Amino acid sequence: MENQEETMKKQIFRALVVGLIFVFVFYTFEIIQGVYLTMNYVPDIVETYESVDYLQHKVSFGYISSPMWRTIEILGLFLLGIIVFYTGKILRRKK
């Protein structure tokens, strides 16, 4: 009985680690993509005034959003990582 509980704890811990890896990889990709786009941005003087309305709705670090949506995004990525972990585990058992 103790061995089964210990195995279950290891599985839960591994699932949580996979979830954290998903969150880390997603935000790392977002940062790298932002750096790449910033480095390769070339301003266009001719069409500058056409984008003024679009730029007025932006802040210096992205769109204005509620912290609640960021929390939901992180929890969703975390849950996706856990689902992928358990799906992979089930598929490996069937072989």
PDB file of N, CA and C in Angstrom:
ATOM      1  N   MET A   1       0.826  -1.200   0.000  1.00  0.00           N
ATOM      2  CA  MET A   1       0.000   0.000   0.000  1.00  0.00           C
ATOM      3  C   MET A   1       0.873   1.268   0.000  1.00  0.00           C
ATOM      4  N   GLU A   2       1.921   1.258   0.805  1.00  0.00           N
ATOM      5  CA  GLU A   2       2.801   2.422   0.857  1.00  0.00           C
ATOM      6  C   GLU A   2       3.517   2.630  -0.464  1.00  0.00           C
ATOM      7  N   ASN A   3       3.917   1.555  -1.119  1.00  0.00           N
ATOM      8  CA  ASN A   3       4.613   1.651  -2.398  1.00  0.00           C
ATOM      9  C   ASN A   3       3.705   2.286  -3.455  1.00  0.00           C
ATOM     10  N   GLN A   4       2.429   1.925  -3.423  1.00  0.00           N
ATOM     11  CA  GLN A   4       1.474   2.490  -4.389  1.00  0.00           C
ATOM     12  C   GLN A   4       1.273   3.989  -4.139  1.00  0.00           C
ATOM     13  N   GLU A   5       1.199   4.377  -2.874  1.00  0.00           N
ATOM     14  CA  GLU A   5       1.049   5.796  -2.541  1.00  0.00           C
ATOM     15  C   GLU A   5       2.290   6.586  -2.958  1.00  0.00           C
ATOM     16  N   GLU A   6       3.463   5.980  -2.742  1.00  0.00           N
ATOM     17  CA  GLU A   6       4.703   6.642  -3.123  1.00  0.00           C
ATOM     18  C   GLU A   6       4.789   6.799  -4.636  1.00  0.00           C
ATOM     19  N   THR A   7       4.366   5.772  -5.364  1.00  0.00           N
ATOM     20  CA  THR A   7       4.350   5.838  -6.822  1.00  0.00           C
ATOM     21  C   THR A   7       3.392   6.926  -7.299  1.00  0.00           C
ATOM     22  N   MET A   8       2.239   7.029  -6.656  1.00  0.00           N
ATOM     23  CA  MET A   8       1.265   8.053  -7.030  1.00  0.00           C
ATOM     24  C   MET A   8       1.823   9.449  -6.773  1.00  0.00           C
ATOM     25  N   LYS A   9       2.535   9.630  -5.664  1.00  0.00           N
ATOM     26  CA  LYS A   9       3.136  10.930  -5.359  1.00  0.00           C
ATOM     27  C   LYS A   9       4.184  11.297  -6.409  1.00  0.00           C
ATOM     28  N   LYS A  10       4.971  10.303  -6.844  1.00  0.00           N
ATOM     29  CA  LYS A  10       5.975  10.556  -7.880  1.00  0.00           C
ATOM     30  C   LYS A  10       5.315  10.957  -9.194  1.00  0.00           C
ATOM     31  N   GLN A  11       4.212  10.301  -9.533  1.00  0.00           N
ATOM     32  CA  GLN A  11       3.509  10.633 -10.766  1.00  0.00           C
ATOM     33  C   GLN A  11       2.942  12.044 -10.713  1.00  0.00           C
ATOM     34  N   ILE A  12       2.362  12.405  -9.595  1.00  0.00           N
ATOM     35  CA  ILE A  12       1.801  13.751  -9.445  1.00  0.00           C
ATOM     36  C   ILE A  12       2.916  14.790  -9.523  1.00  0.00           C
ATOM     37  N   PHE A  13       4.035  14.519  -8.859  1.00  0.00           N
ATOM     38  CA  PHE A  13       5.173  15.441  -8.907  1.00  0.00           C
ATOM     39  C   PHE A  13       5.679  15.594 -10.331  1.00  0.00           C
ATOM     40  N   ARG A  14       5.813  14.490 -11.068  1.00  0.00           N
ATOM     41  CA  ARG A  14       6.269  14.546 -12.456  1.00  0.00           C
ATOM     42  C   ARG A  14       5.291  15.319 -13.327  1.00  0.00           C
ATOM     43  N   ALA A  15       3.999  15.116 -13.096  1.00  0.00           N
ATOM     44  CA  ALA A  15       2.992  15.849 -13.870  1.00  0.00           C
ATOM     45  C   ALA A  15       3.095  17.348 -13.605  1.00  0.00           C
ATOM     46  N   LEU A  16       3.315  17.724 -12.356  1.00  0.00           N
ATOM     47  CA  LEU A  16       3.467  19.141 -12.023  1.00  0.00           C
ATOM     48  C   LEU A  16       4.718  19.726 -12.665  1.00  0.00           C
ATOM     49  N   VAL A  17       5.793  18.950 -12.692  1.00  0.00           N
ATOM     50  CA  VAL A  17       7.026  19.416 -13.324  1.00  0.00           C
ATOM     51  C   VAL A  17       6.813  19.616 -14.821  1.00  0.00           C
ATOM     52  N   VAL A  18       6.120  18.684 -15.468  1.00  0.00           N
ATOM     53  CA  VAL A  18       5.839  18.833 -16.905  1.00  0.00           C
ATOM     54  C   VAL A  18       4.976  20.071 -17.143  1.00  0.00           C
ATOM     55  N   GLY A  19       4.007  20.313 -16.272  1.00  0.00           N
ATOM     56  CA  GLY A  19       3.188  21.518 -16.390  1.00  0.00           C
ATOM     57  C   GLY A  19       4.016  22.783 -16.275  1.00  0.00           C
ATOM     58  N   LEU A  20       4.938  22.817 -15.316  1.00  0.00           N
ATOM     59  CA  LEU A  20       5.818  23.981 -15.163  1.00  0.00           C
ATOM     60  C   LEU A  20       6.733  24.149 -16.369  1.00  0.00           C
ATOM     61  N   ILE A  21       7.179  23.041 -16.939  1.00  0.00           N
ATOM     62  CA  ILE A  21       8.018  23.120 -18.133  1.00  0.00           C
ATOM     63  C   ILE A  21       7.234  23.734 -19.286  1.00  0.00           C
ATOM     64  N   PHE A  22       5.949  23.360 -19.441  1.00  0.00           N
ATOM     65  CA  PHE A  22       5.116  23.956 -20.489  1.00  0.00           C
ATOM     66  C   PHE A  22       5.023  25.468 -20.315  1.00  0.00           C
ATOM     67  N   VAL A  23       4.778  25.925 -19.090  1.00  0.00           N
ATOM     68  CA  VAL A  23       4.669  27.363 -18.826  1.00  0.00           C
ATOM     69  C   VAL A  23       5.996  28.055 -19.135  1.00  0.00           C
ATOM     70  N   PHE A  24       7.093  27.478 -18.679  1.00  0.00           N
ATOM     71  CA  PHE A  24       8.417  28.062 -18.906  1.00  0.00           C
ATOM     72  C   PHE A  24       8.752  28.137 -20.389  1.00  0.00           C
ATOM     73  N   VAL A  25       8.501  27.063 -21.132  1.00  0.00           N
ATOM     74  CA  VAL A  25       8.805  27.045 -22.565  1.00  0.00           C
ATOM     75  C   VAL A  25       7.944  28.065 -23.314  1.00  0.00           C
ATOM     76  N   PHE A  26       6.662  28.166 -22.958  1.00  0.00           N
ATOM     77  CA  PHE A  26       5.776  29.119 -23.624  1.00  0.00           C
ATOM     78  C   PHE A  26       6.272  30.549 -23.437  1.00  0.00           C
ATOM     79  N   TYR A  27       6.574  30.931 -22.205  1.00  0.00           N
ATOM     80  CA  TYR A  27       7.006  32.309 -21.962  1.00  0.00           C
ATOM     81  C   TYR A  27       8.404  32.567 -22.514  1.00  0.00           C
ATOM     82  N   THR A  28       9.269  31.568 -22.527  1.00  0.00           N
ATOM     83  CA  THR A  28      10.575  31.725 -23.150  1.00  0.00           C
ATOM     84  C   THR A  28      10.419  31.978 -24.643  1.00  0.00           C
ATOM     85  N   PHE A  29       9.530  31.220 -25.288  1.00  0.00           N
ATOM     86  CA  PHE A  29       9.266  31.417 -26.703  1.00  0.00           C
ATOM     87  C   PHE A  29       8.710  32.816 -26.959  1.00  0.00           C
ATOM     88  N   GLU A  30       7.803  33.275 -26.109  1.00  0.00           N
ATOM     89  CA  GLU A  30       7.232  34.619 -26.255  1.00  0.00           C
ATOM     90  C   GLU A  30       8.319  35.690 -26.150  1.00  0.00           C
ATOM     91  N   ILE A  31       9.217  35.547 -25.212  1.00  0.00           N
ATOM     92  CA  ILE A  31      10.288  36.534 -25.032  1.00  0.00           C
ATOM     93  C   ILE A  31      11.226  36.532 -26.228  1.00  0.00           C
ATOM     94  N   ILE A  32      11.628  35.346 -26.680  1.00  0.00           N
ATOM     95  CA  ILE A  32      12.530  35.255 -27.836  1.00  0.00           C
ATOM     96  C   ILE A  32      11.866  35.827 -29.084  1.00  0.00           C
ATOM     97  N   GLN A  33      10.583  35.544 -29.265  1.00  0.00           N
ATOM     98  CA  GLN A  33       9.854  36.083 -30.410  1.00  0.00           C
ATOM     99  C   GLN A  33       9.795  37.614 -30.337  1.00  0.00           C
ATOM    100  N   GLY A  34       9.555  38.157 -29.150  1.00  0.00           N
ATOM    101  CA  GLY A  34       9.522  39.607 -28.986  1.00  0.00           C
ATOM    102  C   GLY A  34      10.858  40.265 -29.275  1.00  0.00           C
ATOM    103  N   VAL A  35      11.930  39.644 -28.814  1.00  0.00           N
ATOM    104  CA  VAL A  35      13.268  40.177 -29.086  1.00  0.00           C
ATOM    105  C   VAL A  35      13.549  40.142 -30.579  1.00  0.00           C
ATOM    106  N   TYR A  36      13.215  39.032 -31.232  1.00  0.00           N
ATOM    107  CA  TYR A  36      13.442  38.903 -32.671  1.00  0.00           C
ATOM    108  C   TYR A  36      12.661  39.960 -33.456  1.00  0.00           C
ATOM    109  N   LEU A  37      11.382  40.122 -33.127  1.00  0.00           N
ATOM    110  CA  LEU A  37      10.565  41.106 -33.838  1.00  0.00           C
ATOM    111  C   LEU A  37      11.061  42.527 -33.584  1.00  0.00           C
ATOM    112  N   THR A  38      11.515  42.805 -32.364  1.00  0.00           N
ATOM    113  CA  THR A  38      12.033  44.134 -32.055  1.00  0.00           C
ATOM    114  C   THR A  38      13.330  44.421 -32.817  1.00  0.00           C
ATOM    115  N   MET A  39      14.189  43.419 -32.906  1.00  0.00           N
ATOM    116  CA  MET A  39      15.460  43.619 -33.602  1.00  0.00           C
ATOM    117  C   MET A  39      15.269  43.790 -35.108  1.00  0.00           C
ATOM    118  N   ASN A  40      14.247  43.183 -35.681  1.00  0.00           N
ATOM    119  CA  ASN A  40      14.042  43.234 -37.126  1.00  0.00           C
ATOM    120  C   ASN A  40      12.986  44.254 -37.550  1.00  0.00           C
ATOM    121  N   TYR A  41      12.526  45.083 -36.620  1.00  0.00           N
ATOM    122  CA  TYR A  41      11.508  46.084 -36.946  1.00  0.00           C
ATOM    123  C   TYR A  41      12.140  47.212 -37.752  1.00  0.00           C
ATOM    124  N   VAL A  42      11.476  47.553 -38.851  1.00  0.00           N
ATOM    125  CA  VAL A  42      11.914  48.675 -39.677  1.00  0.00           C
ATOM    126  C   VAL A  42      10.732  49.636 -39.783  1.00  0.00           C
ATOM    127  N   PRO A  43      10.835  50.834 -39.203  1.00  0.00           N
ATOM    128  CA  PRO A  43       9.720  51.774 -39.256  1.00  0.00           C
ATOM    129  C   PRO A  43       9.484  52.284 -40.680  1.00  0.00           C
ATOM    130  N   ASP A  44       8.225  52.525 -40.988  1.00  0.00           N
ATOM    131  CA  ASP A  44       7.848  53.023 -42.307  1.00  0.00           C
ATOM    132  C   ASP A  44       7.323  54.444 -42.142  1.00  0.00           C
ATOM    133  N   ILE A  45       8.065  55.418 -42.631  1.00  0.00           N
ATOM    134  CA  ILE A  45       7.707  56.821 -42.448  1.00  0.00           C
ATOM    135  C   ILE A  45       6.436  57.173 -43.216  1.00  0.00           C
ATOM    136  N   VAL A  46       6.201  56.578 -44.353  1.00  0.00           N
ATOM    137  CA  VAL A  46       5.051  56.913 -45.191  1.00  0.00           C
ATOM    138  C   VAL A  46       3.745  56.534 -44.511  1.00  0.00           C
ATOM    139  N   GLU A  47       3.684  55.372 -43.872  1.00  0.00           N
ATOM    140  CA  GLU A  47       2.433  54.893 -43.273  1.00  0.00           C
ATOM    141  C   GLU A  47       2.373  55.114 -41.763  1.00  0.00           C
ATOM    142  N   THR A  48       3.155  56.016 -41.240  1.00  0.00           N
ATOM    143  CA  THR A  48       3.211  56.248 -39.802  1.00  0.00           C
ATOM    144  C   THR A  48       1.874  56.732 -39.252  1.00  0.00           C
ATOM    145  N   TYR A  49       1.250  57.685 -39.908  1.00  0.00           N
ATOM    146  CA  TYR A  49       0.015  58.265 -39.382  1.00  0.00           C
ATOM    147  C   TYR A  49      -1.169  57.327 -39.498  1.00  0.00           C
ATOM    148  N   GLU A  50      -1.101  56.304 -40.330  1.00  0.00           N
ATOM    149  CA  GLU A  50      -2.194  55.333 -40.433  1.00  0.00           C
ATOM    150  C   GLU A  50      -2.234  54.422 -39.215  1.00  0.00           C
ATOM    151  N   SER A  51      -1.121  54.249 -38.542  1.00  0.00           N
ATOM    152  CA  SER A  51      -1.081  53.339 -37.399  1.00  0.00           C
ATOM    153  C   SER A  51      -1.232  54.057 -36.056  1.00  0.00           C
ATOM    154  N   VAL A  52      -1.520  55.353 -36.062  1.00  0.00           N
ATOM    155  CA  VAL A  52      -1.634  56.104 -34.812  1.00  0.00           C
ATOM    156  C   VAL A  52      -2.774  55.576 -33.964  1.00  0.00           C
ATOM    157  N   ASP A  53      -3.928  55.297 -34.566  1.00  0.00           N
ATOM    158  CA  ASP A  53      -5.068  54.791 -33.799  1.00  0.00           C
ATOM    159  C   ASP A  53      -4.727  53.456 -33.157  1.00  0.00           C
ATOM    160  N   TYR A  54      -4.049  52.601 -33.890  1.00  0.00           N
ATOM    161  CA  TYR A  54      -3.647  51.299 -33.355  1.00  0.00           C
ATOM    162  C   TYR A  54      -2.673  51.465 -32.200  1.00  0.00           C
ATOM    163  N   LEU A  55      -1.718  52.362 -32.334  1.00  0.00           N
ATOM    164  CA  LEU A  55      -0.707  52.553 -31.303  1.00  0.00           C
ATOM    165  C   LEU A  55      -1.258  53.213 -30.041  1.00  0.00           C
ATOM    166  N   GLN A  56      -2.343  53.954 -30.150  1.00  0.00           N
ATOM    167  CA  GLN A  56      -2.909  54.601 -28.975  1.00  0.00           C
ATOM    168  C   GLN A  56      -3.502  53.592 -27.999  1.00  0.00           C
ATOM    169  N   HIS A  57      -3.790  52.380 -28.471  1.00  0.00           N
ATOM    170  CA  HIS A  57      -4.367  51.352 -27.607  1.00  0.00           C
ATOM    171  C   HIS A  57      -3.309  50.414 -27.034  1.00  0.00           C
ATOM    172  N   LYS A  58      -2.063  50.746 -27.229  1.00  0.00           N
ATOM    173  CA  LYS A  58      -0.970  49.906 -26.734  1.00  0.00           C
ATOM    174  C   LYS A  58      -0.287  50.602 -25.557  1.00  0.00           C
ATOM    175  N   VAL A  59       0.330  49.804 -24.702  1.00  0.00           N
ATOM    176  CA  VAL A  59       1.182  50.340 -23.649  1.00  0.00           C
ATOM    177  C   VAL A  59       2.600  49.866 -23.943  1.00  0.00           C
ATOM    178  N   SER A  60       3.547  50.297 -23.152  1.00  0.00           N
ATOM    179  CA  SER A  60       4.944  50.009 -23.478  1.00  0.00           C
ATOM    180  C   SER A  60       5.308  48.526 -23.421  1.00  0.00           C
ATOM    181  N   PHE A  61       4.590  47.719 -22.656  1.00  0.00           N
ATOM    182  CA  PHE A  61       4.929  46.307 -22.552  1.00  0.00           C
ATOM    183  C   PHE A  61       3.794  45.404 -23.028  1.00  0.00           C
ATOM    184  N   GLY A  62       3.009  45.809 -23.985  1.00  0.00           N
ATOM    185  CA  GLY A  62       1.954  44.959 -24.533  1.00  0.00           C
ATOM    186  C   GLY A  62       0.582  45.558 -24.321  1.00  0.00           C
ATOM    187  N   TYR A  63      -0.419  44.734 -24.531  1.00  0.00           N
ATOM    188  CA  TYR A  63      -1.792  45.186 -24.371  1.00  0.00           C
ATOM    189  C   TYR A  63      -2.140  45.335 -22.891  1.00  0.00           C
ATOM    190  N   ILE A  64      -3.083  46.215 -22.609  1.00  0.00           N
ATOM    191  CA  ILE A  64      -3.559  46.354 -21.240  1.00  0.00           C
ATOM    192  C   ILE A  64      -4.474  45.162 -20.965  1.00  0.00           C
ATOM    193  N   SER A  65      -4.156  44.403 -19.951  1.00  0.00           N
ATOM    194  CA  SER A  65      -4.981  43.246 -19.624  1.00  0.00           C
ATOM    195  C   SER A  65      -5.047  43.069 -18.119  1.00  0.00           C
ATOM    196  N   SER A  66      -6.050  42.365 -17.705  1.00  0.00           N
ATOM    197  CA  SER A  66      -6.252  42.105 -16.299  1.00  0.00           C
ATOM    198  C   SER A  66      -5.297  41.006 -15.834  1.00  0.00           C
ATOM    199  N   PRO A  67      -4.800  41.085 -14.611  1.00  0.00           N
ATOM    200  CA  PRO A  67      -3.958  40.004 -14.094  1.00  0.00           C
ATOM    201  C   PRO A  67      -4.702  38.667 -14.033  1.00  0.00           C
ATOM    202  N   MET A  68      -6.032  38.738 -13.984  1.00  0.00           N
ATOM    203  CA  MET A  68      -6.827  37.517 -13.951  1.00  0.00           C
ATOM    204  C   MET A  68      -6.602  36.692 -15.222  1.00  0.00           C
ATOM    205  N   TRP A  69      -6.521  37.355 -16.377  1.00  0.00           N
ATOM    206  CA  TRP A  69      -6.329  36.631 -17.634  1.00  0.00           C
ATOM    207  C   TRP A  69      -4.940  36.011 -17.697  1.00  0.00           C
ATOM    208  N   ARG A  70      -3.947  36.679 -17.152  1.00  0.00           N
ATOM    209  CA  ARG A  70      -2.594  36.110 -17.116  1.00  0.00           C
ATOM    210  C   ARG A  70      -2.578  34.858 -16.241  1.00  0.00           C
ATOM    211  N   THR A  71      -3.292  34.917 -15.107  1.00  0.00           N
ATOM    212  CA  THR A  71      -3.384  33.759 -14.218  1.00  0.00           C
ATOM    213  C   THR A  71      -4.098  32.604 -14.900  1.00  0.00           C
ATOM    214  N   ILE A  72      -5.166  32.898 -15.616  1.00  0.00           N
ATOM    215  CA  ILE A  72      -5.900  31.854 -16.339  1.00  0.00           C
ATOM    216  C   ILE A  72      -5.013  31.248 -17.423  1.00  0.00           C
ATOM    217  N   GLU A  73      -4.221  32.076 -18.088  1.00  0.00           N
ATOM    218  CA  GLU A  73      -3.317  31.582 -19.126  1.00  0.00           C
ATOM    219  C   GLU A  73      -2.271  30.635 -18.537  1.00  0.00           C
ATOM    220  N   ILE A  74      -1.689  31.017 -17.414  1.00  0.00           N
ATOM    221  CA  ILE A  74      -0.678  30.176 -16.770  1.00  0.00           C
ATOM    222  C   ILE A  74      -1.297  28.867 -16.299  1.00  0.00           C
ATOM    223  N   LEU A  75      -2.468  28.941 -15.676  1.00  0.00           N
ATOM    224  CA  LEU A  75      -3.128  27.715 -15.214  1.00  0.00           C
ATOM    225  C   LEU A  75      -3.519  26.821 -16.387  1.00  0.00           C
ATOM    226  N   GLY A  76      -3.953  27.422 -17.493  1.00  0.00           N
ATOM    227  CA  GLY A  76      -4.299  26.634 -18.679  1.00  0.00           C
ATOM    228  C   GLY A  76      -3.093  25.913 -19.252  1.00  0.00           C
ATOM    229  N   LEU A  77      -1.962  26.600 -19.336  1.00  0.00           N
ATOM    230  CA  LEU A  77      -0.730  25.966 -19.819  1.00  0.00           C
ATOM    231  C   LEU A  77      -0.279  24.859 -18.870  1.00  0.00           C
ATOM    232  N   PHE A  78      -0.410  25.125 -17.585  1.00  0.00           N
ATOM    233  CA  PHE A  78      -0.055  24.147 -16.569  1.00  0.00           C
ATOM    234  C   PHE A  78      -0.915  22.892 -16.710  1.00  0.00           C
ATOM    235  N   LEU A  79      -2.212  23.093 -16.882  1.00  0.00           N
ATOM    236  CA  LEU A  79      -3.141  21.979 -17.059  1.00  0.00           C
ATOM    237  C   LEU A  79      -2.852  21.229 -18.354  1.00  0.00           C
ATOM    238  N   LEU A  80      -2.515  21.938 -19.413  1.00  0.00           N
ATOM    239  CA  LEU A  80      -2.166  21.297 -20.678  1.00  0.00           C
ATOM    240  C   LEU A  80      -0.942  20.397 -20.511  1.00  0.00           C
ATOM    241  N   GLY A  81       0.050  20.861 -19.774  1.00  0.00           N
ATOM    242  CA  GLY A  81       1.226  20.046 -19.504  1.00  0.00           C
ATOM    243  C   GLY A  81       0.887  18.780 -18.742  1.00  0.00           C
ATOM    244  N   ILE A  82       0.009  18.889 -17.755  1.00  0.00           N
ATOM    245  CA  ILE A  82      -0.404  17.722 -16.977  1.00  0.00           C
ATOM    246  C   ILE A  82      -1.167  16.734 -17.865  1.00  0.00           C
ATOM    247  N   ILE A  83      -2.047  17.243 -18.720  1.00  0.00           N
ATOM    248  CA  ILE A  83      -2.813  16.378 -19.624  1.00  0.00           C
ATOM    249  C   ILE A  83      -1.879  15.656 -20.590  1.00  0.00           C
ATOM    250  N   VAL A  84      -0.890  16.368 -21.127  1.00  0.00           N
ATOM    251  CA  VAL A  84       0.064  15.742 -22.048  1.00  0.00           C
ATOM    252  C   VAL A  84       0.851  14.650 -21.323  1.00  0.00           C
ATOM    253  N   PHE A  85       1.242  14.904 -20.087  1.00  0.00           N
ATOM    254  CA  PHE A  85       1.984  13.916 -19.314  1.00  0.00           C
ATOM    255  C   PHE A  85       1.175  12.634 -19.147  1.00  0.00           C
ATOM    256  N   TYR A  86      -0.061  12.769 -18.683  1.00  0.00           N
ATOM    257  CA  TYR A  86      -0.880  11.574 -18.447  1.00  0.00           C
ATOM    258  C   TYR A  86      -1.294  10.896 -19.752  1.00  0.00           C
ATOM    259  N   THR A  87      -1.507  11.651 -20.817  1.00  0.00           N
ATOM    260  CA  THR A  87      -1.822  11.044 -22.106  1.00  0.00           C
ATOM    261  C   THR A  87      -0.640  10.231 -22.610  1.00  0.00           C
ATOM    262  N   GLY A  88       0.563  10.788 -22.497  1.00  0.00           N
ATOM    263  CA  GLY A  88       1.756  10.050 -22.895  1.00  0.00           C
ATOM    264  C   GLY A  88       1.949   8.791 -22.067  1.00  0.00           C
ATOM    265  N   LYS A  89       1.638   8.878 -20.795  1.00  0.00           N
ATOM    266  CA  LYS A  89       1.764   7.724 -19.919  1.00  0.00           C
ATOM    267  C   LYS A  89       0.782   6.622 -20.318  1.00  0.00           C
ATOM    268  N   ILE A  90      -0.445   6.987 -20.651  1.00  0.00           N
ATOM    269  CA  ILE A  90      -1.459   6.016 -21.070  1.00  0.00           C
ATOM    270  C   ILE A  90      -1.078   5.398 -22.403  1.00  0.00           C
ATOM    271  N   LEU A  91      -0.586   6.207 -23.336  1.00  0.00           N
ATOM    272  CA  LEU A  91      -0.194   5.677 -24.636  1.00  0.00           C
ATOM    273  C   LEU A  91       1.004   4.738 -24.532  1.00  0.00           C
ATOM    274  N   ARG A  92       1.925   5.002 -23.623  1.00  0.00           N
ATOM    275  CA  ARG A  92       3.076   4.113 -23.433  1.00  0.00           C
ATOM    276  C   ARG A  92       2.643   2.770 -22.850  1.00  0.00           C
ATOM    277  N   ARG A  93       1.619   2.770 -22.003  1.00  0.00           N
ATOM    278  CA  ARG A  93       1.125   1.518 -21.410  1.00  0.00           C
ATOM    279  C   ARG A  93       0.484   0.606 -22.449  1.00  0.00           C
ATOM    280  N   LYS A  94      -0.149   1.197 -23.468  1.00  0.00           N
ATOM    281  CA  LYS A  94      -0.869   0.407 -24.476  1.00  0.00           C
ATOM    282  C   LYS A  94       0.057  -0.339 -25.408  1.00  0.00           C
ATOM    283  N   LYS A  95       1.316   0.073 -25.509  1.00  0.00           N
ATOM    284  CA  LYS A  95       2.261  -0.580 -26.426  1.00  0.00           C
ATOM    285  C   LYS A  95       2.688  -1.915 -25.933  1.00  0.00           C
TER     286      LYS A  95
END
